[in-house]
Amino acid sequence: MSIRVRILGPVQLWADGAGASLGPAKRRALLAALALERNRPVGLERLTALLWPGPPPASAVVNIRSHVVMLRRVLASRIVSHRHGYQLILNADELDLTEFETLAETGRRAVRAGDPARAEPDLAASLRLWRGPAGDGVAPGTELEQRLQGLDEHRLHVVEDLVEVRLILGHAGDLVPLLREHLAGHPLRERAWAQLMLAHYRAGDPGAALAAYREAHEILRRQLGAGPGAELIALRQAMLERSPSLDRPRNGSSGGHLS
């Protein structure tokens, strides 16, 4: 039986190419928790801490065992019982998170090796695995939600890694809409503001680049009470001076750097 567990978006379970009905939100959360600890035993005490905000109810263990029974109707022997917990057995290609991490790291290695053209398809493919926030629909306030939010933070870094690669490859003009969408949801990410400025600048619009700096300055001041950091300030100054350092590398090499 082929299995596919997807947690990069709403939690989903596929068996032999067909989607399985997972039922209640707590069951989907349990599957996500076991998937995050794939191939490792997870104790019942740990599972209750992940799945319930604050002290768990007296029925927590019975609740978990009941959900495991239902998950086993699809997963069968993939869920292994231990004395005080459970273990979900998954191959590397059966969990979207594993595939995302593998593709993202392969792309980053190519950047560090100075080969952005080889990095671009892997970074782009890693992001296509996302269908929304990780574990979308998991109950708020739980430790599981916090762990899933950490995956979302990783995704944001990969988005910016891909933008950096595409800037090196000369796609500056095409990046403005992507960066605008990215910053609309995450307006405090100074690396992305710097990338937006550079995209405008390399597309031949230094005025728009400086306007983006002013916009970043206003948003950061309003939401954080502080202006841009040293990188954005230095980038603005370099643009005012039309520094040659801002031009796209002629050989398309990244120099092995990721911000």
C-alpha atoms as a PDB file:
ATOM      1  CA  MET A   1       0.000   0.000   0.000  1.00  0.00           C
ATOM      2  CA  SER A   2       1.329   3.437  -0.948  1.00  0.00           C
ATOM      3  CA  ILE A   3       0.884   6.192   1.652  1.00  0.00           C
ATOM      4  CA  ARG A   4       1.148   9.959   1.337  1.00  0.00           C
ATOM      5  CA  VAL A   5       0.858  12.278   4.336  1.00  0.00           C
ATOM      6  CA  ARG A   6       0.593  16.001   3.637  1.00  0.00           C
ATOM      7  CA  ILE A   7       0.966  18.605   6.378  1.00  0.00           C
ATOM      8  CA  LEU A   8       2.149  21.615   4.315  1.00  0.00           C
ATOM      9  CA  GLY A   9      -1.367  23.027   4.270  1.00  0.00           C
ATOM     10  CA  PRO A  10      -4.475  21.267   5.593  1.00  0.00           C
ATOM     11  CA  VAL A  11      -3.529  17.847   6.953  1.00  0.00           C
ATOM     12  CA  GLN A  12      -4.308  15.124   4.410  1.00  0.00           C
ATOM     13  CA  LEU A  13      -3.807  11.375   4.164  1.00  0.00           C
ATOM     14  CA  TRP A  14      -3.697   9.488   0.865  1.00  0.00           C
ATOM     15  CA  ALA A  15      -3.664   5.720   0.441  1.00  0.00           C
ATOM     16  CA  ASP A  16      -3.061   4.088  -2.952  1.00  0.00           C
ATOM     17  CA  GLY A  17      -3.730   7.418  -4.674  1.00  0.00           C
ATOM     18  CA  ALA A  18      -7.085   8.092  -2.980  1.00  0.00           C
ATOM     19  CA  GLY A  19      -7.755  10.685  -0.312  1.00  0.00           C
ATOM     20  CA  ALA A  20      -8.858   9.298   3.050  1.00  0.00           C
ATOM     21  CA  SER A  21     -11.473  10.971   5.235  1.00  0.00           C
ATOM     22  CA  LEU A  22      -9.740  11.938   8.473  1.00  0.00           C
ATOM     23  CA  GLY A  23     -12.729  13.130  10.435  1.00  0.00           C
ATOM     24  CA  PRO A  24     -12.350  15.382  13.499  1.00  0.00           C
ATOM     25  CA  ALA A  25      -9.715  18.098  13.792  1.00  0.00           C
ATOM     26  CA  LYS A  26      -8.078  16.314  16.734  1.00  0.00           C
ATOM     27  CA  ARG A  27      -7.459  13.248  14.566  1.00  0.00           C
ATOM     28  CA  ARG A  28      -5.831  15.373  11.877  1.00  0.00           C
ATOM     29  CA  ALA A  29      -3.712  17.022  14.571  1.00  0.00           C
ATOM     30  CA  LEU A  30      -2.661  13.617  15.906  1.00  0.00           C
ATOM     31  CA  LEU A  31      -1.588  12.540  12.413  1.00  0.00           C
ATOM     32  CA  ALA A  32       0.416  15.760  12.010  1.00  0.00           C
ATOM     33  CA  ALA A  33       2.083  15.266  15.402  1.00  0.00           C
ATOM     34  CA  LEU A  34       3.105  11.698  14.553  1.00  0.00           C
ATOM     35  CA  ALA A  35       4.301  12.799  11.104  1.00  0.00           C
ATOM     36  CA  LEU A  36       6.525  15.490  12.610  1.00  0.00           C
ATOM     37  CA  GLU A  37       8.187  12.740  14.680  1.00  0.00           C
ATOM     38  CA  ARG A  38       8.121  10.229  11.810  1.00  0.00           C
ATOM     39  CA  ASN A  39       9.838   6.915  12.501  1.00  0.00           C
ATOM     40  CA  ARG A  40      10.339   7.824  16.167  1.00  0.00           C
ATOM     41  CA  PRO A  41       8.187   6.634  19.097  1.00  0.00           C
ATOM     42  CA  VAL A  42       6.104   9.421  20.632  1.00  0.00           C
ATOM     43  CA  GLY A  43       4.899   8.937  24.194  1.00  0.00           C
ATOM     44  CA  LEU A  44       1.293   9.510  25.192  1.00  0.00           C
ATOM     45  CA  GLU A  45       2.362  12.220  27.625  1.00  0.00           C
ATOM     46  CA  ARG A  46       4.186  14.002  24.802  1.00  0.00           C
ATOM     47  CA  LEU A  47       1.194  13.664  22.475  1.00  0.00           C
ATOM     48  CA  THR A  48      -1.176  15.170  25.030  1.00  0.00           C
ATOM     49  CA  ALA A  49       1.211  18.097  25.506  1.00  0.00           C
ATOM     50  CA  LEU A  50       1.289  18.658  21.738  1.00  0.00           C
ATOM     51  CA  LEU A  51      -2.447  18.350  21.131  1.00  0.00           C
ATOM     52  CA  TRP A  52      -4.078  20.238  24.014  1.00  0.00           C
ATOM     53  CA  PRO A  53      -3.445  23.816  25.141  1.00  0.00           C
ATOM     54  CA  GLY A  54      -2.872  23.896  28.865  1.00  0.00           C
ATOM     55  CA  PRO A  55      -3.628  20.879  31.083  1.00  0.00           C
ATOM     56  CA  PRO A  56      -5.155  18.052  29.008  1.00  0.00           C
ATOM     57  CA  PRO A  57      -8.553  16.634  29.958  1.00  0.00           C
ATOM     58  CA  ALA A  58      -8.796  13.397  31.926  1.00  0.00           C
ATOM     59  CA  SER A  59     -10.026  11.692  28.760  1.00  0.00           C
ATOM     60  CA  ALA A  60      -6.977  12.716  26.678  1.00  0.00           C
ATOM     61  CA  VAL A  61      -5.298   9.292  26.522  1.00  0.00           C
ATOM     62  CA  VAL A  62      -8.572   7.504  25.764  1.00  0.00           C
ATOM     63  CA  ASN A  63      -9.211  10.137  23.078  1.00  0.00           C
ATOM     64  CA  ILE A  64      -5.797   9.541  21.476  1.00  0.00           C
ATOM     65  CA  ARG A  65      -6.197   5.765  21.513  1.00  0.00           C
ATOM     66  CA  SER A  66      -9.606   6.103  19.863  1.00  0.00           C
ATOM     67  CA  HIS A  67      -8.189   8.272  17.099  1.00  0.00           C
ATOM     68  CA  VAL A  68      -5.327   5.813  16.556  1.00  0.00           C
ATOM     69  CA  VAL A  69      -7.864   3.028  16.025  1.00  0.00           C
ATOM     70  CA  MET A  70      -9.533   5.094  13.301  1.00  0.00           C
ATOM     71  CA  LEU A  71      -6.215   6.063  11.661  1.00  0.00           C
ATOM     72  CA  ARG A  72      -5.213   2.405  11.548  1.00  0.00           C
ATOM     73  CA  ARG A  73      -8.153   1.700   9.251  1.00  0.00           C
ATOM     74  CA  VAL A  74      -6.077   3.436   6.587  1.00  0.00           C
ATOM     75  CA  LEU A  75      -2.512   3.243   7.902  1.00  0.00           C
ATOM     76  CA  ALA A  76      -2.701  -0.325   9.270  1.00  0.00           C
ATOM     77  CA  SER A  77       0.736  -1.476  10.423  1.00  0.00           C
ATOM     78  CA  ARG A  78       2.294   1.913   9.646  1.00  0.00           C
ATOM     79  CA  ILE A  79       1.265   2.945  13.183  1.00  0.00           C
ATOM     80  CA  VAL A  80       3.309   0.898  15.623  1.00  0.00           C
ATOM     81  CA  SER A  81       2.237   0.653  19.255  1.00  0.00           C
ATOM     82  CA  HIS A  82       4.767   1.084  22.029  1.00  0.00           C
ATOM     83  CA  ARG A  83       4.248   0.584  25.732  1.00  0.00           C
ATOM     84  CA  HIS A  84       3.424   4.226  26.312  1.00  0.00           C
ATOM     85  CA  GLY A  85       2.900   5.681  22.846  1.00  0.00           C
ATOM     86  CA  TYR A  86       2.920   5.298  19.079  1.00  0.00           C
ATOM     87  CA  GLN A  87       5.244   5.516  16.091  1.00  0.00           C
ATOM     88  CA  LEU A  88       4.315   6.419  12.506  1.00  0.00           C
ATOM     89  CA  ILE A  89       6.448   4.646   9.907  1.00  0.00           C
ATOM     90  CA  LEU A  90       6.957   6.718   6.752  1.00  0.00           C
ATOM     91  CA  ASN A  91       9.459   6.545   3.919  1.00  0.00           C
ATOM     92  CA  ALA A  92      11.150   9.774   2.858  1.00  0.00           C
ATOM     93  CA  ASP A  93       8.931  10.134  -0.218  1.00  0.00           C
ATOM     94  CA  GLU A  94       5.709   9.618   1.742  1.00  0.00           C
ATOM     95  CA  LEU A  95       5.696  12.934   3.625  1.00  0.00           C
ATOM     96  CA  ASP A  96       5.558  16.302   1.875  1.00  0.00           C
ATOM     97  CA  LEU A  97       7.625  17.942   4.635  1.00  0.00           C
ATOM     98  CA  THR A  98      10.551  15.574   4.010  1.00  0.00           C
ATOM     99  CA  GLU A  99      10.386  16.264   0.285  1.00  0.00           C
ATOM    100  CA  PHE A 100      10.291  20.020   0.915  1.00  0.00           C
ATOM    101  CA  GLU A 101      13.319  19.906   3.198  1.00  0.00           C
ATOM    102  CA  THR A 102      15.302  17.743   0.762  1.00  0.00           C
ATOM    103  CA  LEU A 103      14.577  19.957  -2.259  1.00  0.00           C
ATOM    104  CA  ALA A 104      15.251  23.175  -0.334  1.00  0.00           C
ATOM    105  CA  GLU A 105      18.594  21.936   0.971  1.00  0.00           C
ATOM    106  CA  THR A 106      19.610  20.651  -2.469  1.00  0.00           C
ATOM    107  CA  GLY A 107      18.894  24.108  -3.893  1.00  0.00           C
ATOM    108  CA  ARG A 108      20.817  25.833  -1.142  1.00  0.00           C
ATOM    109  CA  ARG A 109      23.823  23.585  -1.677  1.00  0.00           C
ATOM    110  CA  ALA A 110      23.822  24.577  -5.343  1.00  0.00           C
ATOM    111  CA  VAL A 111      23.786  28.257  -4.361  1.00  0.00           C
ATOM    112  CA  ARG A 112      26.686  27.743  -1.977  1.00  0.00           C
ATOM    113  CA  ALA A 113      28.526  26.013  -4.814  1.00  0.00           C
ATOM    114  CA  GLY A 114      28.006  29.103  -6.994  1.00  0.00           C
ATOM    115  CA  ASP A 115      25.460  27.508  -9.352  1.00  0.00           C
ATOM    116  CA  PRO A 116      22.165  29.472  -9.098  1.00  0.00           C
ATOM    117  CA  ALA A 117      20.835  28.041 -12.366  1.00  0.00           C
ATOM    118  CA  ARG A 118      20.940  24.565 -10.826  1.00  0.00           C
ATOM    119  CA  ALA A 119      19.462  25.841  -7.548  1.00  0.00           C
ATOM    120  CA  GLU A 120      16.412  27.560  -9.033  1.00  0.00           C
ATOM    121  CA  PRO A 121      14.317  24.503 -10.066  1.00  0.00           C
ATOM    122  CA  ASP A 122      14.814  22.724  -6.741  1.00  0.00           C
ATOM    123  CA  LEU A 123      13.906  25.771  -4.656  1.00  0.00           C
ATOM    124  CA  ALA A 124      10.857  26.421  -6.841  1.00  0.00           C
ATOM    125  CA  ALA A 125       9.766  22.773  -6.630  1.00  0.00           C
ATOM    126  CA  SER A 126      10.071  22.791  -2.836  1.00  0.00           C
ATOM    127  CA  LEU A 127       7.656  25.722  -2.593  1.00  0.00           C
ATOM    128  CA  ARG A 128       5.099  24.143  -4.911  1.00  0.00           C
ATOM    129  CA  LEU A 129       4.499  21.503  -2.233  1.00  0.00           C
ATOM    130  CA  TRP A 130       2.846  24.103   0.002  1.00  0.00           C
ATOM    131  CA  ARG A 131      -0.957  24.406  -0.128  1.00  0.00           C
ATOM    132  CA  GLY A 132      -1.362  26.914   2.712  1.00  0.00           C
ATOM    133  CA  PRO A 133      -0.088  27.366   6.280  1.00  0.00           C
ATOM    134  CA  ALA A 134       1.395  24.157   7.694  1.00  0.00           C
ATOM    135  CA  GLY A 135      -1.265  22.115   9.473  1.00  0.00           C
ATOM    136  CA  ASP A 136      -3.946  24.598   8.519  1.00  0.00           C
ATOM    137  CA  GLY A 137      -6.906  24.091  10.858  1.00  0.00           C
ATOM    138  CA  VAL A 138      -4.938  22.774  13.851  1.00  0.00           C
ATOM    139  CA  ALA A 139      -6.321  24.150  17.118  1.00  0.00           C
ATOM    140  CA  PRO A 140      -4.659  27.419  18.153  1.00  0.00           C
ATOM    141  CA  GLY A 141      -2.641  27.737  21.321  1.00  0.00           C
ATOM    142  CA  THR A 142      -1.176  24.242  21.225  1.00  0.00           C
ATOM    143  CA  GLU A 143       2.490  23.276  21.129  1.00  0.00           C
ATOM    144  CA  LEU A 144       1.741  21.490  17.868  1.00  0.00           C
ATOM    145  CA  GLU A 145       0.600  24.779  16.337  1.00  0.00           C
ATOM    146  CA  GLN A 146       3.866  26.407  17.435  1.00  0.00           C
ATOM    147  CA  ARG A 147       5.906  23.661  15.785  1.00  0.00           C
ATOM    148  CA  LEU A 148       3.929  23.987  12.581  1.00  0.00           C
ATOM    149  CA  GLN A 149       4.452  27.745  12.600  1.00  0.00           C
ATOM    150  CA  GLY A 150       8.186  27.027  12.654  1.00  0.00           C
ATOM    151  CA  LEU A 151       7.739  25.222   9.332  1.00  0.00           C
ATOM    152  CA  ASP A 152       6.024  28.302   7.928  1.00  0.00           C
ATOM    153  CA  GLU A 153       9.049  30.366   8.955  1.00  0.00           C
ATOM    154  CA  HIS A 154      11.296  27.937   7.061  1.00  0.00           C
ATOM    155  CA  ARG A 155       9.102  28.390   3.983  1.00  0.00           C
ATOM    156  CA  LEU A 156       9.522  32.185   4.155  1.00  0.00           C
ATOM    157  CA  HIS A 157      13.298  31.787   4.150  1.00  0.00           C
ATOM    158  CA  VAL A 158      13.102  29.523   1.100  1.00  0.00           C
ATOM    159  CA  VAL A 159      10.873  32.032  -0.722  1.00  0.00           C
ATOM    160  CA  GLU A 160      13.567  34.652  -0.169  1.00  0.00           C
ATOM    161  CA  ASP A 161      16.319  32.218  -1.171  1.00  0.00           C
ATOM    162  CA  LEU A 162      14.494  31.648  -4.458  1.00  0.00           C
ATOM    163  CA  VAL A 163      14.099  35.401  -4.992  1.00  0.00           C
ATOM    164  CA  GLU A 164      17.822  35.878  -4.409  1.00  0.00           C
ATOM    165  CA  VAL A 165      18.623  33.210  -6.985  1.00  0.00           C
ATOM    166  CA  ARG A 166      16.279  34.776  -9.531  1.00  0.00           C
ATOM    167  CA  LEU A 167      17.829  38.193  -8.935  1.00  0.00           C
ATOM    168  CA  ILE A 168      21.210  36.675  -9.756  1.00  0.00           C
ATOM    169  CA  LEU A 169      19.781  35.051 -12.887  1.00  0.00           C
ATOM    170  CA  GLY A 170      18.447  38.378 -14.163  1.00  0.00           C
ATOM    171  CA  HIS A 171      14.710  38.074 -13.543  1.00  0.00           C
ATOM    172  CA  ALA A 172      14.406  41.304 -11.533  1.00  0.00           C
ATOM    173  CA  GLY A 173      11.330  42.723 -13.259  1.00  0.00           C
ATOM    174  CA  ASP A 174       9.322  39.518 -12.793  1.00  0.00           C
ATOM    175  CA  LEU A 175       9.998  39.461  -9.038  1.00  0.00           C
ATOM    176  CA  VAL A 176       8.185  42.641  -8.026  1.00  0.00           C
ATOM    177  CA  PRO A 177       4.659  41.085  -7.902  1.00  0.00           C
ATOM    178  CA  LEU A 178       5.958  38.038  -6.005  1.00  0.00           C
ATOM    179  CA  LEU A 179       7.730  40.202  -3.453  1.00  0.00           C
ATOM    180  CA  ARG A 180       4.729  42.477  -3.068  1.00  0.00           C
ATOM    181  CA  GLU A 181       2.538  39.468  -2.285  1.00  0.00           C
ATOM    182  CA  HIS A 182       5.172  38.105   0.112  1.00  0.00           C
ATOM    183  CA  LEU A 183       5.485  41.426   1.961  1.00  0.00           C
ATOM    184  CA  ALA A 184       1.725  41.933   2.128  1.00  0.00           C
ATOM    185  CA  GLY A 185       1.574  38.921   4.443  1.00  0.00           C
ATOM    186  CA  HIS A 186       4.924  39.476   6.174  1.00  0.00           C
ATOM    187  CA  PRO A 187       5.665  43.214   6.185  1.00  0.00           C
ATOM    188  CA  LEU A 188       8.458  43.085   8.782  1.00  0.00           C
ATOM    189  CA  ARG A 189      10.869  40.957   6.743  1.00  0.00           C
ATOM    190  CA  GLU A 190      13.739  43.323   5.985  1.00  0.00           C
ATOM    191  CA  ARG A 191      15.488  40.849   3.688  1.00  0.00           C
ATOM    192  CA  ALA A 192      12.432  40.865   1.427  1.00  0.00           C
ATOM    193  CA  TRP A 193      12.286  44.684   1.454  1.00  0.00           C
ATOM    194  CA  ALA A 194      15.940  44.737   0.378  1.00  0.00           C
ATOM    195  CA  GLN A 195      15.125  42.286  -2.405  1.00  0.00           C
ATOM    196  CA  LEU A 196      12.189  44.416  -3.562  1.00  0.00           C
ATOM    197  CA  MET A 197      14.428  47.482  -3.685  1.00  0.00           C
ATOM    198  CA  LEU A 198      17.049  45.587  -5.672  1.00  0.00           C
ATOM    199  CA  ALA A 199      14.432  44.141  -8.046  1.00  0.00           C
ATOM    200  CA  HIS A 200      13.169  47.649  -8.849  1.00  0.00           C
ATOM    201  CA  TYR A 201      16.715  48.965  -9.181  1.00  0.00           C
ATOM    202  CA  ARG A 202      17.907  46.216 -11.527  1.00  0.00           C
ATOM    203  CA  ALA A 203      14.718  46.590 -13.569  1.00  0.00           C
ATOM    204  CA  GLY A 204      15.792  50.172 -14.258  1.00  0.00           C
ATOM    205  CA  ASP A 205      13.541  51.999 -11.795  1.00  0.00           C
ATOM    206  CA  PRO A 206      15.679  53.458  -8.980  1.00  0.00           C
ATOM    207  CA  GLY A 207      12.828  55.804  -8.046  1.00  0.00           C
ATOM    208  CA  ALA A 208      10.581  52.842  -7.230  1.00  0.00           C
ATOM    209  CA  ALA A 209      13.454  51.257  -5.293  1.00  0.00           C
ATOM    210  CA  LEU A 210      13.812  54.333  -3.082  1.00  0.00           C
ATOM    211  CA  ALA A 211      10.028  54.539  -2.685  1.00  0.00           C
ATOM    212  CA  ALA A 212      10.092  50.931  -1.426  1.00  0.00           C
ATOM    213  CA  TYR A 213      12.708  51.957   1.133  1.00  0.00           C
ATOM    214  CA  ARG A 214      10.478  54.768   2.382  1.00  0.00           C
ATOM    215  CA  GLU A 215       7.550  52.370   2.608  1.00  0.00           C
ATOM    216  CA  ALA A 216       9.624  49.871   4.581  1.00  0.00           C
ATOM    217  CA  HIS A 217      10.824  52.654   6.882  1.00  0.00           C
ATOM    218  CA  GLU A 218       7.250  53.735   7.609  1.00  0.00           C
ATOM    219  CA  ILE A 219       5.966  50.213   8.252  1.00  0.00           C
ATOM    220  CA  LEU A 220       8.877  49.219  10.483  1.00  0.00           C
ATOM    221  CA  ARG A 221       8.667  52.457  12.441  1.00  0.00           C
ATOM    222  CA  ARG A 222       4.911  52.102  12.911  1.00  0.00           C
ATOM    223  CA  GLN A 223       4.888  48.417  13.878  1.00  0.00           C
ATOM    224  CA  LEU A 224       8.213  48.028  15.682  1.00  0.00           C
ATOM    225  CA  GLY A 225       9.000  51.537  16.815  1.00  0.00           C
ATOM    226  CA  ALA A 226      12.337  51.416  15.001  1.00  0.00           C
ATOM    227  CA  GLY A 227      13.499  52.192  11.503  1.00  0.00           C
ATOM    228  CA  PRO A 228      15.263  49.884   9.037  1.00  0.00           C
ATOM    229  CA  GLY A 229      18.408  48.024  10.006  1.00  0.00           C
ATOM    230  CA  ALA A 230      21.914  48.602   8.746  1.00  0.00           C
ATOM    231  CA  GLU A 231      21.493  46.455   5.605  1.00  0.00           C
ATOM    232  CA  LEU A 232      18.560  48.452   4.254  1.00  0.00           C
ATOM    233  CA  ILE A 233      20.206  51.755   5.112  1.00  0.00           C
ATOM    234  CA  ALA A 234      23.418  50.733   3.348  1.00  0.00           C
ATOM    235  CA  LEU A 235      21.444  49.509   0.328  1.00  0.00           C
ATOM    236  CA  ARG A 236      19.632  52.833   0.036  1.00  0.00           C
ATOM    237  CA  GLN A 237      22.926  54.714   0.195  1.00  0.00           C
ATOM    238  CA  ALA A 238      24.455  52.469  -2.466  1.00  0.00           C
ATOM    239  CA  MET A 239      21.481  53.189  -4.703  1.00  0.00           C
ATOM    240  CA  LEU A 240      21.800  56.919  -4.208  1.00  0.00           C
ATOM    241  CA  GLU A 241      25.439  56.586  -5.241  1.00  0.00           C
ATOM    242  CA  ARG A 242      24.593  54.235  -8.168  1.00  0.00           C
ATOM    243  CA  SER A 243      27.175  51.823  -6.823  1.00  0.00           C
ATOM    244  CA  PRO A 244      28.394  49.220  -9.368  1.00  0.00           C
ATOM    245  CA  SER A 245      28.157  46.650  -6.576  1.00  0.00           C
ATOM    246  CA  LEU A 246      24.388  46.600  -7.095  1.00  0.00           C
ATOM    247  CA  ASP A 247      24.602  45.441 -10.691  1.00  0.00           C
ATOM    248  CA  ARG A 248      23.763  41.857 -11.510  1.00  0.00           C
ATOM    249  CA  PRO A 249      26.869  39.615 -11.489  1.00  0.00           C
ATOM    250  CA  ARG A 250      27.949  39.323 -15.117  1.00  0.00           C
ATOM    251  CA  ASN A 251      28.642  35.593 -14.971  1.00  0.00           C
ATOM    252  CA  GLY A 252      25.406  34.811 -13.132  1.00  0.00           C
ATOM    253  CA  SER A 253      27.358  33.361 -10.214  1.00  0.00           C
ATOM    254  CA  SER A 254      26.035  33.712  -6.695  1.00  0.00           C
ATOM    255  CA  GLY A 255      29.469  33.574  -5.114  1.00  0.00           C
ATOM    256  CA  GLY A 256      28.092  30.864  -2.884  1.00  0.00           C
ATOM    257  CA  HIS A 257      26.175  33.302  -0.657  1.00  0.00           C
ATOM    258  CA  LEU A 258      22.739  33.090   0.863  1.00  0.00           C
ATOM    259  CA  SER A 259      21.597  35.971   3.048  1.00  0.00           C
END
